[in-house]
Amino acid sequence: MRHLLCVLFTIALAASIAQKRVNPIIKNFGGIYDIPEATVKPDPNQGYKIVIDVYSGSEDKSKTDRSLNNVARMLNLHAVGGVAPENMNVVLALHAQSTYSIMDDESYRKKFGSDNPNTKLVRELNEAGVKITVCGQSLRGRNVDGDKLLSEVEIATSMLTTVTNYQMKGYQLLKF
């Protein structure tokens, strides 16, 4: 009986101190933990210019693209660190497997048998000011019709030209 009480007390204590994820910018995706004891944090006075090479996509096409979710996490992490949303300038350069992640629901349904699980996430990223581009080369190479994309997406000549263009403008490169 004493052992059972100790176990129950430990579980109750763990539950009382368990922290919930927060979503300050992208409300439905990219939940993160606030780490108030962190000493390495983003500079809230800094303007961030980031171009992200998004290529991996999701193996399970019925689930949200992990790379796009990581973009949501990055925005939420910077917000928890005190960076104002207007100081986050983010451009996505989607290509390779992530090309499918930005197809409209009808086209996605035809190819994978379900609505695009990324539609809501793409819209939230766009509303947060993220510029979303897809590689025209990947569209052609994967036979994805440029007219069958989510409306928030712009077609670029290529991922390579998008990344180099923004790097020349001072953007830092991340790869997801």
Protein backbone atom coordinates (compact mmCIF):
# COMPACT_ATOMS: atom_id res chain seq x y z
CA MET A 1 0.00 0.00 0.00
CA ARG A 2 2.82 2.38 0.87
CA HIS A 3 4.47 1.71 -2.48
CA LEU A 4 1.20 2.48 -4.27
CA LEU A 5 0.87 5.79 -2.42
CA CYS A 6 4.43 6.75 -3.39
CA VAL A 7 3.72 5.95 -7.03
CA LEU A 8 0.48 7.94 -7.00
CA PHE A 9 2.21 10.90 -5.31
CA THR A 10 4.99 10.84 -7.91
CA ILE A 11 2.48 10.76 -10.77
CA ALA A 12 0.48 13.62 -9.23
CA LEU A 13 3.64 15.68 -8.73
CA ALA A 14 4.80 15.07 -12.30
CA ALA A 15 1.38 16.03 -13.65
CA SER A 16 1.34 19.24 -11.62
CA ILE A 17 4.68 20.41 -12.98
CA ALA A 18 4.19 19.16 -16.55
CA GLN A 19 4.29 22.05 -18.92
CA LYS A 20 1.96 22.43 -21.85
CA ARG A 21 3.06 23.42 -25.32
CA VAL A 22 2.33 26.96 -26.46
CA ASN A 23 1.54 28.35 -29.90
CA PRO A 24 1.96 32.15 -29.81
CA ILE A 25 2.09 32.77 -33.59
CA ILE A 26 0.99 29.66 -35.48
CA LYS A 27 -1.95 28.68 -33.30
CA ASN A 28 -2.70 25.16 -34.55
CA PHE A 29 0.77 23.86 -35.41
CA GLY A 30 4.35 23.93 -34.19
CA GLY A 31 3.64 23.81 -30.47
CA ILE A 32 6.71 24.42 -28.34
CA TYR A 33 7.69 24.69 -24.66
CA ASP A 34 8.66 27.99 -23.10
CA ILE A 35 12.03 27.56 -21.39
CA PRO A 36 12.25 30.50 -18.97
CA GLU A 37 15.56 29.26 -17.52
CA ALA A 38 17.24 29.32 -20.96
CA THR A 39 20.26 31.62 -21.17
CA VAL A 40 20.73 31.30 -24.94
CA LYS A 41 17.72 33.01 -26.49
CA PRO A 42 16.87 34.89 -29.67
CA ASP A 43 17.61 38.61 -29.56
CA PRO A 44 14.24 40.40 -29.43
CA ASN A 45 15.84 43.53 -30.94
CA GLN A 46 17.22 41.67 -33.95
CA GLY A 47 15.52 41.53 -37.33
CA TYR A 48 15.57 37.96 -38.67
CA LYS A 49 15.89 37.22 -42.39
CA ILE A 50 15.67 33.49 -43.04
CA VAL A 51 15.29 31.49 -46.26
CA ILE A 52 14.47 27.84 -45.69
CA ASP A 53 15.24 25.01 -48.09
CA VAL A 54 12.19 22.75 -47.52
CA TYR A 55 12.70 19.41 -49.21
CA SER A 56 11.84 16.39 -47.10
CA GLY A 57 8.04 16.23 -47.19
CA SER A 58 6.10 13.62 -45.27
CA GLU A 59 6.41 9.88 -45.79
CA ASP A 60 2.78 9.43 -44.70
CA LYS A 61 0.82 11.68 -47.05
CA SER A 62 -2.16 11.70 -44.69
CA LYS A 63 -0.10 13.58 -42.09
CA THR A 64 1.21 17.14 -41.93
CA ASP A 65 4.59 17.79 -43.54
CA ARG A 66 7.13 17.74 -40.67
CA SER A 67 9.26 20.37 -42.38
CA LEU A 68 6.37 22.82 -42.62
CA ASN A 69 5.56 22.10 -38.98
CA ASN A 70 9.20 22.94 -38.14
CA VAL A 71 8.70 26.35 -39.76
CA ALA A 72 5.72 26.88 -37.44
CA ARG A 73 7.88 25.76 -34.49
CA MET A 74 10.63 28.21 -35.48
CA LEU A 75 8.17 31.11 -35.56
CA ASN A 76 6.66 30.09 -32.22
CA LEU A 77 10.12 29.65 -30.64
CA HIS A 78 11.23 33.11 -31.69
CA ALA A 79 7.98 34.60 -30.39
CA VAL A 80 8.43 32.92 -27.00
CA GLY A 81 11.96 34.36 -27.03
CA GLY A 82 10.49 37.86 -27.38
CA VAL A 83 10.95 38.47 -31.11
CA ALA A 84 8.03 40.44 -32.56
CA PRO A 85 6.35 38.80 -35.58
CA GLU A 86 7.19 41.80 -37.76
CA ASN A 87 10.90 41.11 -37.12
CA MET A 88 10.61 37.64 -38.67
CA ASN A 89 11.14 37.70 -42.43
CA VAL A 90 10.87 34.12 -43.61
CA VAL A 91 10.88 32.71 -47.15
CA LEU A 92 10.29 29.04 -47.93
CA ALA A 93 11.82 27.40 -50.98
CA LEU A 94 9.91 24.13 -51.33
CA HIS A 95 11.11 21.40 -53.67
CA ALA A 96 11.64 17.64 -53.93
CA GLN A 97 9.13 15.70 -51.76
CA SER A 98 7.70 18.89 -50.22
CA THR A 99 6.38 19.86 -53.64
CA TYR A 100 3.32 17.70 -52.98
CA SER A 101 2.64 19.45 -49.65
CA ILE A 102 1.30 22.59 -51.31
CA MET A 103 -1.10 21.03 -53.84
CA ASP A 104 -4.74 22.14 -53.60
CA ASP A 105 -7.15 19.72 -51.91
CA GLU A 106 -8.71 18.43 -55.14
CA SER A 107 -5.35 17.61 -56.74
CA TYR A 108 -3.98 16.15 -53.51
CA ARG A 109 -7.08 13.98 -53.14
CA LYS A 110 -6.66 12.65 -56.69
CA LYS A 111 -3.02 11.76 -56.07
CA PHE A 112 -3.09 10.57 -52.43
CA GLY A 113 -6.74 9.78 -51.65
CA SER A 114 -7.37 12.48 -49.02
CA ASP A 115 -7.54 16.23 -48.65
CA ASN A 116 -4.19 17.95 -48.20
CA PRO A 117 -3.37 17.82 -44.46
CA ASN A 118 -1.08 20.85 -44.95
CA THR A 119 -3.71 23.32 -46.22
CA LYS A 120 -4.51 24.86 -42.83
CA LEU A 121 -0.81 25.03 -41.87
CA VAL A 122 0.15 26.71 -45.16
CA ARG A 123 -2.60 29.27 -44.63
CA GLU A 124 -1.48 30.01 -41.07
CA LEU A 125 2.15 30.40 -42.20
CA ASN A 126 1.03 32.77 -44.95
CA GLU A 127 -1.09 34.79 -42.52
CA ALA A 128 1.98 35.09 -40.28
CA GLY A 129 3.85 36.72 -43.17
CA VAL A 130 5.83 33.73 -44.43
CA LYS A 131 6.48 33.88 -48.19
CA ILE A 132 5.94 30.40 -49.63
CA THR A 133 7.53 29.50 -52.94
CA VAL A 134 7.79 26.21 -54.80
CA CYS A 135 10.48 25.19 -57.26
CA GLY A 136 9.17 25.28 -60.83
CA GLN A 137 11.70 22.59 -61.73
CA SER A 138 10.24 20.27 -59.08
CA LEU A 139 6.72 20.98 -60.32
CA ARG A 140 7.66 19.95 -63.86
CA GLY A 141 9.77 16.99 -62.73
CA ARG A 142 6.90 15.63 -60.61
CA ASN A 143 4.15 16.47 -63.12
CA VAL A 144 2.40 18.81 -60.67
CA ASP A 145 0.27 21.42 -62.44
CA GLY A 146 1.15 24.94 -61.29
CA ASP A 147 -2.56 25.85 -61.47
CA LYS A 148 -3.34 23.16 -58.87
CA LEU A 149 -1.47 24.70 -55.94
CA LEU A 150 -2.76 26.35 -52.81
CA SER A 151 -3.37 30.04 -53.49
CA GLU A 152 -0.78 31.11 -50.89
CA VAL A 153 2.07 29.60 -52.92
CA GLU A 154 4.19 31.38 -55.55
CA ILE A 155 6.03 29.53 -58.30
CA ALA A 156 9.75 30.21 -58.53
CA THR A 157 12.10 29.40 -61.39
CA SER A 158 13.81 27.01 -59.00
CA MET A 159 14.66 26.40 -55.37
CA LEU A 160 18.28 27.17 -56.21
CA THR A 161 17.52 30.62 -57.63
CA THR A 162 15.19 31.41 -54.73
CA VAL A 163 17.84 30.53 -52.15
CA THR A 164 20.67 32.37 -53.92
CA ASN A 165 18.47 35.41 -54.55
CA TYR A 166 17.53 35.73 -50.89
CA GLN A 167 21.03 34.93 -49.62
CA MET A 168 22.31 37.84 -51.72
CA LYS A 169 19.77 39.99 -49.83
CA GLY A 170 21.24 38.93 -46.48
CA TYR A 171 18.93 36.03 -45.62
CA GLN A 172 20.40 33.12 -43.65
CA LEU A 173 19.84 29.60 -44.95
CA LEU A 174 18.20 26.80 -42.98
CA LYS A 175 17.36 23.33 -44.34
CA PHE A 176 14.33 21.33 -43.26
